[in-house]
PDB file of N, CA and C in Angstrom:
ATOM      1  N   LYS A   1     133.170  94.392 178.575  1.00  0.00           N
ATOM      2  CA  LYS A   1     133.777  93.147 178.436  1.00  0.00           C
ATOM      3  C   LYS A   1     133.283  92.322 177.216  1.00  0.00           C
ATOM      4  N   LEU A   2     134.248  91.688 176.690  1.00  0.00           N
ATOM      5  CA  LEU A   2     134.128  91.175 175.318  1.00  0.00           C
ATOM      6  C   LEU A   2     133.520  89.632 175.243  1.00  0.00           C
ATOM      7  N   ASN A   3     132.724  89.337 174.380  1.00  0.00           N
ATOM      8  CA  ASN A   3     132.078  88.129 174.358  1.00  0.00           C
ATOM      9  C   ASN A   3     132.510  87.431 173.188  1.00  0.00           C
ATOM     10  N   ILE A   4     133.673  86.796 173.406  1.00  0.00           N
ATOM     11  CA  ILE A   4     134.519  86.154 172.257  1.00  0.00           C
ATOM     12  C   ILE A   4     134.243  84.604 172.080  1.00  0.00           C
ATOM     13  N   GLN A   5     133.518  84.187 171.203  1.00  0.00           N
ATOM     14  CA  GLN A   5     133.203  82.825 170.949  1.00  0.00           C
ATOM     15  C   GLN A   5     134.373  81.906 170.926  1.00  0.00           C
ATOM     16  N   LEU A   6     134.206  80.711 171.166  1.00  0.00           N
ATOM     17  CA  LEU A   6     135.161  79.663 171.102  1.00  0.00           C
ATOM     18  C   LEU A   6     135.386  79.063 169.635  1.00  0.00           C
ATOM     19  N   PRO A   7     136.301  79.068 168.985  1.00  0.00           N
ATOM     20  CA  PRO A   7     136.500  78.761 167.467  1.00  0.00           C
ATOM     21  C   PRO A   7     135.688  77.242 167.424  1.00  0.00           C
ATOM     22  N   ASP A   8     135.037  77.115 166.271  1.00  0.00           N
ATOM     23  CA  ASP A   8     134.493  75.892 166.081  1.00  0.00           C
ATOM     24  C   ASP A   8     135.355  75.305 165.065  1.00  0.00           C
ATOM     25  N   LEU A   9     135.893  73.880 165.232  1.00  0.00           N
ATOM     26  CA  LEU A   9     136.589  73.331 164.652  1.00  0.00           C
ATOM     27  C   LEU A   9     136.061  72.816 163.197  1.00  0.00           C
ATOM     28  N   ASP A  10     134.677  72.717 163.165  1.00  0.00           N
ATOM     29  CA  ASP A  10     133.987  72.405 161.684  1.00  0.00           C
ATOM     30  C   ASP A  10     133.724  73.560 160.867  1.00  0.00           C
ATOM     31  N   ASP A  11     134.146  74.800 161.485  1.00  0.00           N
ATOM     32  CA  ASP A  11     133.672  76.107 160.966  1.00  0.00           C
ATOM     33  C   ASP A  11     135.292  76.521 160.215  1.00  0.00           C
ATOM     34  N   CYS A  12     136.258  75.812 160.345  1.00  0.00           N
ATOM     35  CA  CYS A  12     137.570  76.180 159.863  1.00  0.00           C
ATOM     36  C   CYS A  12     137.834  75.278 158.756  1.00  0.00           C
ATOM     37  N   LYS A  13     138.553  75.864 157.819  1.00  0.00           N
ATOM     38  CA  LYS A  13     138.831  75.086 156.567  1.00  0.00           C
ATOM     39  C   LYS A  13     139.775  74.041 156.967  1.00  0.00           C
ATOM     40  N   THR A  14     140.965  74.349 157.644  1.00  0.00           N
ATOM     41  CA  THR A  14     141.962  73.326 157.935  1.00  0.00           C
ATOM     42  C   THR A  14     141.874  73.383 159.354  1.00  0.00           C
ATOM     43  N   TYR A  15     142.597  72.408 159.963  1.00  0.00           N
ATOM     44  CA  TYR A  15     143.052  72.043 161.445  1.00  0.00           C
ATOM     45  C   TYR A  15     143.971  73.220 162.052  1.00  0.00           C
ATOM     46  N   GLU A  16     145.017  73.786 160.888  1.00  0.00           N
ATOM     47  CA  GLU A  16     145.912  74.609 161.155  1.00  0.00           C
ATOM     48  C   GLU A  16     145.081  76.128 161.182  1.00  0.00           C
ATOM     49  N   ALA A  17     144.272  76.238 160.452  1.00  0.00           N
ATOM     50  CA  ALA A  17     143.459  77.431 160.636  1.00  0.00           C
ATOM     51  C   ALA A  17     142.595  77.501 161.915  1.00  0.00           C
ATOM     52  N   PHE A  18     142.029  76.422 162.502  1.00  0.00           N
ATOM     53  CA  PHE A  18     141.476  76.160 163.687  1.00  0.00           C
ATOM     54  C   PHE A  18     142.395  76.539 164.760  1.00  0.00           C
ATOM     55  N   LYS A  19     143.692  75.909 164.747  1.00  0.00           N
ATOM     56  CA  LYS A  19     144.627  76.090 165.739  1.00  0.00           C
ATOM     57  C   LYS A  19     145.299  77.587 165.931  1.00  0.00           C
ATOM     58  N   ARG A  20     145.356  78.329 164.941  1.00  0.00           N
ATOM     59  CA  ARG A  20     145.553  79.731 164.661  1.00  0.00           C
ATOM     60  C   ARG A  20     144.437  80.552 165.335  1.00  0.00           C
ATOM     61  N   GLU A  21     143.305  80.291 165.115  1.00  0.00           N
ATOM     62  CA  GLU A  21     141.804  80.870 165.668  1.00  0.00           C
ATOM     63  C   GLU A  21     141.866  80.654 167.177  1.00  0.00           C
ATOM     64  N   LEU A  22     142.453  79.453 167.611  1.00  0.00           N
ATOM     65  CA  LEU A  22     142.202  79.169 169.151  1.00  0.00           C
ATOM     66  C   LEU A  22     143.267  79.707 169.732  1.00  0.00           C
ATOM     67  N   GLY A  23     144.401  79.900 169.165  1.00  0.00           N
ATOM     68  CA  GLY A  23     145.481  80.753 169.628  1.00  0.00           C
ATOM     69  C   GLY A  23     145.037  82.150 170.071  1.00  0.00           C
ATOM     70  N   ALA A  24     144.721  82.860 169.146  1.00  0.00           N
ATOM     71  CA  ALA A  24     144.133  84.205 169.135  1.00  0.00           C
ATOM     72  C   ALA A  24     143.093  84.348 170.381  1.00  0.00           C
ATOM     73  N   TRP A  25     142.150  83.257 170.379  1.00  0.00           N
ATOM     74  CA  TRP A  25     141.214  83.193 171.156  1.00  0.00           C
ATOM     75  C   TRP A  25     141.647  83.132 172.591  1.00  0.00           C
ATOM     76  N   ALA A  26     142.646  82.263 172.757  1.00  0.00           N
ATOM     77  CA  ALA A  26     143.298  81.863 174.055  1.00  0.00           C
ATOM     78  C   ALA A  26     143.900  83.215 174.533  1.00  0.00           C
ATOM     79  N   ASP A  27     144.359  83.898 173.786  1.00  0.00           N
ATOM     80  CA  ASP A  27     145.367  85.169 174.055  1.00  0.00           C
ATOM     81  C   ASP A  27     144.148  86.254 175.024  1.00  0.00           C
ATOM     82  N   VAL A  28     142.980  86.144 174.524  1.00  0.00           N
ATOM     83  CA  VAL A  28     142.114  87.327 175.226  1.00  0.00           C
ATOM     84  C   VAL A  28     141.070  86.515 176.060  1.00  0.00           C
ATOM     85  N   ILE A  29     141.166  85.327 176.476  1.00  0.00           N
ATOM     86  CA  ILE A  29     140.233  84.785 177.239  1.00  0.00           C
ATOM     87  C   ILE A  29     140.733  84.118 178.627  1.00  0.00           C
ATOM     88  N   ASP A  30     140.111  84.416 179.810  1.00  0.00           N
ATOM     89  CA  ASP A  30     140.302  84.042 181.118  1.00  0.00           C
ATOM     90  C   ASP A  30     140.845  82.743 181.019  1.00  0.00           C
ATOM     91  N   LEU A  31     141.872  82.486 181.917  1.00  0.00           N
ATOM     92  CA  LEU A  31     142.616  81.417 182.010  1.00  0.00           C
ATOM     93  C   LEU A  31     141.741  80.061 182.239  1.00  0.00           C
ATOM     94  N   ASN A  32     140.573  80.356 183.423  1.00  0.00           N
ATOM     95  CA  ASN A  32     139.907  79.203 183.862  1.00  0.00           C
ATOM     96  C   ASN A  32     139.052  78.797 182.513  1.00  0.00           C
ATOM     97  N   LYS A  33     138.495  79.647 181.641  1.00  0.00           N
ATOM     98  CA  LYS A  33     137.811  79.149 180.640  1.00  0.00           C
ATOM     99  C   LYS A  33     138.739  78.321 179.507  1.00  0.00           C
ATOM    100  N   ARG A  34     139.844  78.823 179.154  1.00  0.00           N
ATOM    101  CA  ARG A  34     140.938  78.055 178.411  1.00  0.00           C
ATOM    102  C   ARG A  34     141.092  76.575 178.609  1.00  0.00           C
ATOM    103  N   LYS A  35     140.977  76.281 180.024  1.00  0.00           N
ATOM    104  CA  LYS A  35     141.485  75.123 180.718  1.00  0.00           C
ATOM    105  C   LYS A  35     140.655  73.860 180.054  1.00  0.00           C
ATOM    106  N   PHE A  36     139.286  74.222 179.755  1.00  0.00           N
ATOM    107  CA  PHE A  36     138.316  73.475 179.313  1.00  0.00           C
ATOM    108  C   PHE A  36     138.113  73.251 177.707  1.00  0.00           C
ATOM    109  N   VAL A  37     138.890  73.808 176.821  1.00  0.00           N
ATOM    110  CA  VAL A  37     138.468  73.835 175.482  1.00  0.00           C
ATOM    111  C   VAL A  37     138.204  72.484 174.951  1.00  0.00           C
ATOM    112  N   LEU A  38     138.910  71.456 175.384  1.00  0.00           N
ATOM    113  CA  LEU A  38     138.563  70.252 174.793  1.00  0.00           C
ATOM    114  C   LEU A  38     137.057  69.722 174.874  1.00  0.00           C
ATOM    115  N   LEU A  39     136.398  70.197 175.946  1.00  0.00           N
ATOM    116  CA  LEU A  39     135.033  69.862 176.089  1.00  0.00           C
ATOM    117  C   LEU A  39     134.169  70.497 174.807  1.00  0.00           C
ATOM    118  N   SER A  40     134.626  71.231 174.279  1.00  0.00           N
ATOM    119  CA  SER A  40     133.947  71.980 173.123  1.00  0.00           C
ATOM    120  C   SER A  40     134.225  71.224 171.764  1.00  0.00           C
ATOM    121  N   LEU A  41     135.081  70.242 171.725  1.00  0.00           N
ATOM    122  CA  LEU A  41     135.328  69.612 170.456  1.00  0.00           C
ATOM    123  C   LEU A  41     134.288  68.997 170.045  1.00  0.00           C
ATOM    124  N   PRO A  42     134.005  68.467 168.775  1.00  0.00           N
ATOM    125  CA  PRO A  42     132.730  67.767 168.359  1.00  0.00           C
ATOM    126  C   PRO A  42     133.108  66.355 168.207  1.00  0.00           C
ATOM    127  N   ASN A  43     132.268  65.452 168.651  1.00  0.00           N
ATOM    128  CA  ASN A  43     132.607  63.804 168.355  1.00  0.00           C
ATOM    129  C   ASN A  43     132.435  63.595 166.879  1.00  0.00           C
ATOM    130  N   LYS A  44     131.761  64.142 166.295  1.00  0.00           N
ATOM    131  CA  LYS A  44     131.544  64.101 164.796  1.00  0.00           C
ATOM    132  C   LYS A  44     132.189  65.090 164.032  1.00  0.00           C
ATOM    133  N   SER A  45     133.193  64.878 163.115  1.00  0.00           N
ATOM    134  CA  SER A  45     133.639  66.222 162.565  1.00  0.00           C
ATOM    135  C   SER A  45     134.209  65.751 161.380  1.00  0.00           C
ATOM    136  N   ARG A  46     134.365  66.732 160.219  1.00  0.00           N
ATOM    137  CA  ARG A  46     135.007  66.325 158.925  1.00  0.00           C
ATOM    138  C   ARG A  46     136.480  66.174 159.127  1.00  0.00           C
ATOM    139  N   PHE A  47     137.077  66.389 160.482  1.00  0.00           N
ATOM    140  CA  PHE A  47     138.459  66.205 160.510  1.00  0.00           C
ATOM    141  C   PHE A  47     138.640  64.863 161.439  1.00  0.00           C
ATOM    142  N   GLY A  48     137.710  64.169 161.895  1.00  0.00           N
ATOM    143  CA  GLY A  48     137.646  62.762 162.326  1.00  0.00           C
ATOM    144  C   GLY A  48     136.746  62.660 163.399  1.00  0.00           C
ATOM    145  N   ASP A  49     136.336  61.476 163.829  1.00  0.00           N
ATOM    146  CA  ASP A  49     135.362  61.077 164.820  1.00  0.00           C
ATOM    147  C   ASP A  49     135.942  60.741 166.221  1.00  0.00           C
ATOM    148  N   ASP A  50     134.990  61.015 167.190  1.00  0.00           N
ATOM    149  CA  ASP A  50     135.318  60.725 168.338  1.00  0.00           C
ATOM    150  C   ASP A  50     136.303  61.723 169.060  1.00  0.00           C
ATOM    151  N   LEU A  51     136.675  62.745 168.590  1.00  0.00           N
ATOM    152  CA  LEU A  51     137.708  63.643 168.701  1.00  0.00           C
ATOM    153  C   LEU A  51     137.796  63.878 170.415  1.00  0.00           C
ATOM    154  N   LYS A  52     136.496  64.420 170.693  1.00  0.00           N
ATOM    155  CA  LYS A  52     136.456  64.784 172.275  1.00  0.00           C
ATOM    156  C   LYS A  52     136.367  63.555 173.005  1.00  0.00           C
ATOM    157  N   GLU A  53     135.993  62.459 172.901  1.00  0.00           N
ATOM    158  CA  GLU A  53     136.170  61.177 173.615  1.00  0.00           C
ATOM    159  C   GLU A  53     137.392  60.965 173.720  1.00  0.00           C
ATOM    160  N   ARG A  54     138.200  60.848 172.678  1.00  0.00           N
ATOM    161  CA  ARG A  54     139.422  60.545 172.585  1.00  0.00           C
ATOM    162  C   ARG A  54     140.201  61.163 173.597  1.00  0.00           C
ATOM    163  N   ALA A  55     140.219  62.467 173.364  1.00  0.00           N
ATOM    164  CA  ALA A  55     141.049  63.702 174.202  1.00  0.00           C
ATOM    165  C   ALA A  55     140.571  63.466 175.492  1.00  0.00           C
ATOM    166  N   LEU A  56     139.481  63.049 176.041  1.00  0.00           N
ATOM    167  CA  LEU A  56     139.236  62.932 177.261  1.00  0.00           C
ATOM    168  C   LEU A  56     139.753  61.747 178.305  1.00  0.00           C
ATOM    169  N   GLU A  57     139.882  60.679 177.094  1.00  0.00           N
ATOM    170  CA  GLU A  57     140.418  59.333 177.400  1.00  0.00           C
ATOM    171  C   GLU A  57     141.884  59.475 177.561  1.00  0.00           C
ATOM    172  N   SER A  58     142.449  60.372 176.685  1.00  0.00           N
ATOM    173  CA  SER A  58     143.965  60.515 176.803  1.00  0.00           C
ATOM    174  C   SER A  58     144.436  61.669 177.741  1.00  0.00           C
ATOM    175  N   LEU A  59     143.728  62.520 178.203  1.00  0.00           N
ATOM    176  CA  LEU A  59     144.191  63.337 179.375  1.00  0.00           C
ATOM    177  C   LEU A  59     143.402  63.293 180.421  1.00  0.00           C
ATOM    178  N   SER A  60     144.126  63.482 181.664  1.00  0.00           N
ATOM    179  CA  SER A  60     143.459  63.244 182.812  1.00  0.00           C
ATOM    180  C   SER A  60     142.714  64.644 183.459  1.00  0.00           C
ATOM    181  N   GLU A  61     142.101  64.431 184.413  1.00  0.00           N
ATOM    182  CA  GLU A  61     141.230  65.632 184.979  1.00  0.00           C
ATOM    183  C   GLU A  61     142.430  66.677 185.382  1.00  0.00           C
ATOM    184  N   THR A  62     143.258  65.970 185.970  1.00  0.00           N
ATOM    185  CA  THR A  62     144.332  66.906 186.482  1.00  0.00           C
ATOM    186  C   THR A  62     144.914  68.048 185.203  1.00  0.00           C
ATOM    187  N   ASP A  63     145.256  67.033 184.216  1.00  0.00           N
ATOM    188  CA  ASP A  63     145.784  67.802 182.917  1.00  0.00           C
ATOM    189  C   ASP A  63     144.936  68.906 182.425  1.00  0.00           C
ATOM    190  N   LEU A  64     143.515  68.481 182.342  1.00  0.00           N
ATOM    191  CA  LEU A  64     142.654  69.755 181.878  1.00  0.00           C
ATOM    192  C   LEU A  64     142.295  70.709 182.854  1.00  0.00           C
ATOM    193  N   LYS A  65     142.484  70.509 184.258  1.00  0.00           N
ATOM    194  CA  LYS A  65     142.397  71.670 185.206  1.00  0.00           C
ATOM    195  C   LYS A  65     143.661  72.265 185.311  1.00  0.00           C
ATOM    196  N   SER A  66     144.830  71.755 184.967  1.00  0.00           N
ATOM    197  CA  SER A  66     146.045  72.515 185.079  1.00  0.00           C
ATOM    198  C   SER A  66     145.911  73.646 184.030  1.00  0.00           C
ATOM    199  N   ASP A  67     147.050  74.880 184.525  1.00  0.00           N
ATOM    200  CA  ASP A  67     147.532  76.057 183.720  1.00  0.00           C
ATOM    201  C   ASP A  67     147.740  75.720 182.313  1.00  0.00           C
ATOM    202  N   GLN A  68     148.262  74.462 182.136  1.00  0.00           N
ATOM    203  CA  GLN A  68     148.644  73.850 181.017  1.00  0.00           C
ATOM    204  C   GLN A  68     147.923  73.007 180.288  1.00  0.00           C
ATOM    205  N   GLY A  69     146.626  73.138 180.490  1.00  0.00           N
ATOM    206  CA  GLY A  69     145.410  72.269 180.336  1.00  0.00           C
ATOM    207  C   GLY A  69     145.029  72.635 178.774  1.00  0.00           C
ATOM    208  N   LEU A  70     144.996  73.929 178.134  1.00  0.00           N
ATOM    209  CA  LEU A  70     144.950  74.160 176.595  1.00  0.00           C
ATOM    210  C   LEU A  70     146.129  73.779 175.921  1.00  0.00           C
ATOM    211  N   GLN A  71     147.286  73.947 176.332  1.00  0.00           N
ATOM    212  CA  GLN A  71     148.522  73.462 175.582  1.00  0.00           C
ATOM    213  C   GLN A  71     148.306  71.952 175.389  1.00  0.00           C
ATOM    214  N   LYS A  72     148.145  71.242 176.520  1.00  0.00           N
ATOM    215  CA  LYS A  72     148.152  69.725 176.541  1.00  0.00           C
ATOM    216  C   LYS A  72     146.986  69.247 175.498  1.00  0.00           C
ATOM    217  N   GLY A  73     145.650  70.126 175.330  1.00  0.00           N
ATOM    218  CA  GLY A  73     144.764  69.578 174.395  1.00  0.00           C
ATOM    219  C   GLY A  73     145.358  70.054 173.183  1.00  0.00           C
ATOM    220  N   ILE A  74     145.966  70.925 172.838  1.00  0.00           N
ATOM    221  CA  ILE A  74     146.498  71.309 171.296  1.00  0.00           C
ATOM    222  C   ILE A  74     147.739  70.191 171.046  1.00  0.00           C
ATOM    223  N   ASP A  75     148.160  69.940 172.051  1.00  0.00           N
ATOM    224  CA  ASP A  75     149.431  69.112 171.758  1.00  0.00           C
ATOM    225  C   ASP A  75     148.547  67.431 171.419  1.00  0.00           C
ATOM    226  N   PHE A  76     147.522  67.169 172.029  1.00  0.00           N
ATOM    227  CA  PHE A  76     146.724  66.025 171.617  1.00  0.00           C
ATOM    228  C   PHE A  76     146.299  66.379 170.156  1.00  0.00           C
ATOM    229  N   LEU A  77     145.539  67.385 169.902  1.00  0.00           N
ATOM    230  CA  LEU A  77     145.085  67.571 168.763  1.00  0.00           C
ATOM    231  C   LEU A  77     146.245  67.744 167.418  1.00  0.00           C
ATOM    232  N   ASP A  78     147.366  68.053 167.686  1.00  0.00           N
ATOM    233  CA  ASP A  78     148.410  68.045 166.819  1.00  0.00           C
ATOM    234  C   ASP A  78     148.555  66.587 166.401  1.00  0.00           C
ATOM    235  N   LYS A  79     148.766  65.863 167.553  1.00  0.00           N
ATOM    236  CA  LYS A  79     149.165  64.419 167.395  1.00  0.00           C
ATOM    237  C   LYS A  79     147.973  63.692 166.503  1.00  0.00           C
ATOM    238  N   GLU A  80     146.813  64.064 166.798  1.00  0.00           N
ATOM    239  CA  GLU A  80     145.512  63.413 166.020  1.00  0.00           C
ATOM    240  C   GLU A  80     145.346  64.038 164.683  1.00  0.00           C
ATOM    241  N   LEU A  81     145.349  65.433 164.467  1.00  0.00           N
ATOM    242  CA  LEU A  81     144.867  65.975 163.237  1.00  0.00           C
ATOM    243  C   LEU A  81     146.169  67.042 162.611  1.00  0.00           C
ATOM    244  N   GLY A  82     147.307  67.057 163.125  1.00  0.00           N
ATOM    245  CA  GLY A  82     148.417  67.716 162.670  1.00  0.00           C
ATOM    246  C   GLY A  82     148.977  67.115 161.355  1.00  0.00           C
ATOM    247  N   LYS A  83     149.442  67.571 160.459  1.00  0.00           N
ATOM    248  CA  LYS A  83     150.209  67.190 159.262  1.00  0.00           C
ATOM    249  C   LYS A  83     151.438  67.635 159.104  1.00  0.00           C
ATOM    250  N   ASN A  84     152.535  66.995 158.894  1.00  0.00           N
ATOM    251  CA  ASN A  84     153.781  67.756 158.632  1.00  0.00           C
ATOM    252  C   ASN A  84     154.019  68.547 157.297  1.00  0.00           C
ATOM    253  N   ALA A  85     154.575  69.439 157.041  1.00  0.00           N
ATOM    254  CA  ALA A  85     154.663  70.296 156.037  1.00  0.00           C
ATOM    255  C   ALA A  85     154.651  69.675 154.583  1.00  0.00           C
ATOM    256  N   VAL A  86     155.406  68.588 154.425  1.00  0.00           N
ATOM    257  CA  VAL A  86     155.479  67.860 153.136  1.00  0.00           C
ATOM    258  C   VAL A  86     154.100  67.109 152.997  1.00  0.00           C
ATOM    259  N   ASP A  87     153.323  66.445 153.929  1.00  0.00           N
ATOM    260  CA  ASP A  87     152.159  65.953 153.678  1.00  0.00           C
ATOM    261  C   ASP A  87     151.037  67.070 153.344  1.00  0.00           C
ATOM    262  N   ASP A  88     151.162  68.425 153.877  1.00  0.00           N
ATOM    263  CA  ASP A  88     150.188  69.208 153.642  1.00  0.00           C
ATOM    264  C   ASP A  88     150.390  69.839 152.060  1.00  0.00           C
ATOM    265  N   ILE A  89     151.854  70.102 151.886  1.00  0.00           N
ATOM    266  CA  ILE A  89     151.954  70.546 150.537  1.00  0.00           C
ATOM    267  C   ILE A  89     151.271  69.556 149.398  1.00  0.00           C
ATOM    268  N   LEU A  90     151.712  68.145 149.472  1.00  0.00           N
ATOM    269  CA  LEU A  90     151.280  67.093 148.675  1.00  0.00           C
ATOM    270  C   LEU A  90     149.533  67.003 148.744  1.00  0.00           C
ATOM    271  N   GLU A  91     149.187  67.229 149.783  1.00  0.00           N
ATOM    272  CA  GLU A  91     147.741  67.379 149.505  1.00  0.00           C
ATOM    273  C   GLU A  91     147.117  68.319 148.947  1.00  0.00           C
ATOM    274  N   LYS A  92     147.679  69.659 149.143  1.00  0.00           N
ATOM    275  CA  LYS A  92     147.291  70.806 148.185  1.00  0.00           C
ATOM    276  C   LYS A  92     147.722  70.838 147.014  1.00  0.00           C
ATOM    277  N   CYS A  93     148.682  70.225 146.528  1.00  0.00           N
ATOM    278  CA  CYS A  93     148.822  69.904 145.169  1.00  0.00           C
ATOM    279  C   CYS A  93     148.244  69.034 144.652  1.00  0.00           C
ATOM    280  N   ASP A  94     147.672  68.122 145.038  1.00  0.00           N
ATOM    281  CA  ASP A  94     146.950  66.869 144.493  1.00  0.00           C
ATOM    282  C   ASP A  94     145.506  67.502 144.450  1.00  0.00           C
ATOM    283  N   ASP A  95     145.104  68.264 145.535  1.00  0.00           N
ATOM    284  CA  ASP A  95     143.685  68.999 145.372  1.00  0.00           C
ATOM    285  C   ASP A  95     143.735  69.873 144.113  1.00  0.00           C
ATOM    286  N   PHE A  96     144.697  70.530 143.959  1.00  0.00           N
ATOM    287  CA  PHE A  96     144.746  71.686 142.788  1.00  0.00           C
ATOM    288  C   PHE A  96     144.711  70.758 141.350  1.00  0.00           C
ATOM    289  N   VAL A  97     145.570  69.856 141.387  1.00  0.00           N
ATOM    290  CA  VAL A  97     145.646  68.990 139.938  1.00  0.00           C
ATOM    291  C   VAL A  97     144.361  68.270 139.805  1.00  0.00           C
ATOM    292  N   ASN A  98     143.722  67.994 140.809  1.00  0.00           N
ATOM    293  CA  ASN A  98     142.440  67.230 140.554  1.00  0.00           C
ATOM    294  C   ASN A  98     141.115  68.210 140.768  1.00  0.00           C
ATOM    295  N   CYS A  99     141.337  69.224 140.758  1.00  0.00           N
ATOM    296  CA  CYS A  99     140.254  70.301 140.603  1.00  0.00           C
ATOM    297  C   CYS A  99     139.569  70.310 139.329  1.00  0.00           C
ATOM    298  N   ARG A 100     138.265  69.820 139.117  1.00  0.00           N
ATOM    299  CA  ARG A 100     137.589  69.971 137.886  1.00  0.00           C
ATOM    300  C   ARG A 100     136.312  70.575 137.863  1.00  0.00           C
ATOM    301  N   LYS A 101     135.986  71.225 136.827  1.00  0.00           N
ATOM    302  CA  LYS A 101     134.572  71.875 137.038  1.00  0.00           C
ATOM    303  C   LYS A 101     133.705  70.728 136.610  1.00  0.00           C
ATOM    304  N   LEU A 102     132.695  70.598 137.685  1.00  0.00           N
ATOM    305  CA  LEU A 102     131.464  69.456 137.383  1.00  0.00           C
ATOM    306  C   LEU A 102     130.771  69.872 136.215  1.00  0.00           C
ATOM    307  N   ALA A 103     130.008  69.057 135.726  1.00  0.00           N
ATOM    308  CA  ALA A 103     128.969  69.434 134.510  1.00  0.00           C
ATOM    309  C   ALA A 103     127.819  70.242 134.836  1.00  0.00           C
ATOM    310  N   ASP A 104     127.315  69.998 136.059  1.00  0.00           N
ATOM    311  CA  ASP A 104     126.239  70.808 136.516  1.00  0.00           C
ATOM    312  C   ASP A 104     126.607  71.916 137.301  1.00  0.00           C
ATOM    313  N   GLN A 105     127.792  72.497 137.302  1.00  0.00           N
ATOM    314  CA  GLN A 105     128.177  73.433 138.230  1.00  0.00           C
ATOM    315  C   GLN A 105     128.506  75.004 137.204  1.00  0.00           C
ATOM    316  N   SER A 106     127.875  75.775 137.576  1.00  0.00           N
ATOM    317  CA  SER A 106     128.038  77.049 136.786  1.00  0.00           C
ATOM    318  C   SER A 106     129.845  77.430 137.045  1.00  0.00           C
ATOM    319  N   LEU A 107     129.942  78.378 135.899  1.00  0.00           N
ATOM    320  CA  LEU A 107     131.464  78.952 136.003  1.00  0.00           C
ATOM    321  C   LEU A 107     131.820  79.409 137.313  1.00  0.00           C
ATOM    322  N   GLU A 108     130.649  80.374 137.624  1.00  0.00           N
ATOM    323  CA  GLU A 108     130.764  81.080 138.998  1.00  0.00           C
ATOM    324  C   GLU A 108     130.899  80.455 140.229  1.00  0.00           C
ATOM    325  N   GLU A 109     130.124  79.137 140.114  1.00  0.00           N
ATOM    326  CA  GLU A 109     130.204  78.154 141.364  1.00  0.00           C
ATOM    327  C   GLU A 109     131.583  77.348 141.331  1.00  0.00           C
ATOM    328  N   PHE A 110     132.075  77.146 139.961  1.00  0.00           N
ATOM    329  CA  PHE A 110     133.572  76.396 139.948  1.00  0.00           C
ATOM    330  C   PHE A 110     134.514  77.506 140.416  1.00  0.00           C
ATOM    331  N   LEU A 111     134.444  78.770 140.044  1.00  0.00           N
ATOM    332  CA  LEU A 111     135.639  79.644 140.367  1.00  0.00           C
ATOM    333  C   LEU A 111     135.424  79.562 142.198  1.00  0.00           C
ATOM    334  N   ILE A 112     134.435  79.842 142.414  1.00  0.00           N
ATOM    335  CA  ILE A 112     134.423  79.960 144.082  1.00  0.00           C
ATOM    336  C   ILE A 112     135.185  78.543 144.510  1.00  0.00           C
ATOM    337  N   TYR A 113     134.526  77.790 144.013  1.00  0.00           N
ATOM    338  CA  TYR A 113     135.327  76.231 144.584  1.00  0.00           C
ATOM    339  C   TYR A 113     136.662  76.302 144.290  1.00  0.00           C
ATOM    340  N   PHE A 114     137.128  76.687 143.169  1.00  0.00           N
ATOM    341  CA  PHE A 114     138.489  76.787 142.913  1.00  0.00           C
ATOM    342  C   PHE A 114     139.459  77.609 143.786  1.00  0.00           C
ATOM    343  N   GLU A 115     138.778  78.940 144.057  1.00  0.00           N
ATOM    344  CA  GLU A 115     139.596  79.911 144.906  1.00  0.00           C
ATOM    345  C   GLU A 115     139.601  79.335 146.525  1.00  0.00           C
ATOM    346  N   GLU A 116     138.776  78.415 146.766  1.00  0.00           N
ATOM    347  CA  GLU A 116     138.869  77.794 147.989  1.00  0.00           C
ATOM    348  C   GLU A 116     139.648  76.843 148.323  1.00  0.00           C
ATOM    349  N   LYS A 117     140.344  76.420 147.088  1.00  0.00           N
ATOM    350  CA  LYS A 117     141.331  75.083 147.239  1.00  0.00           C
ATOM    351  C   LYS A 117     142.551  75.808 147.114  1.00  0.00           C
TER     352      LYS A 117
END
């Protein structure tokens, strides 16, 4: 039996990466475990604060327990954290244009940082 950990939102570079990882996780996990994925959301995250609290306020217990609980959670996260394609491209372009080596940064550190962008 596989012991596959639920993806951690803060371990992912983007919400879209988290969503892909969550989809892969959901494909191999028992339905009963998938229903409560929102309970694992952090309240403090680099993607936003109070995510779990807001999710639990917006979805009923019936929603969470339903076979569509995971999808309803993803729909909530899409609304809260998802970006449209144009916004995503603009943000990535802006990050690239403004990527500068800091004075106290080695060239190797900067190249690693640059590749992450």
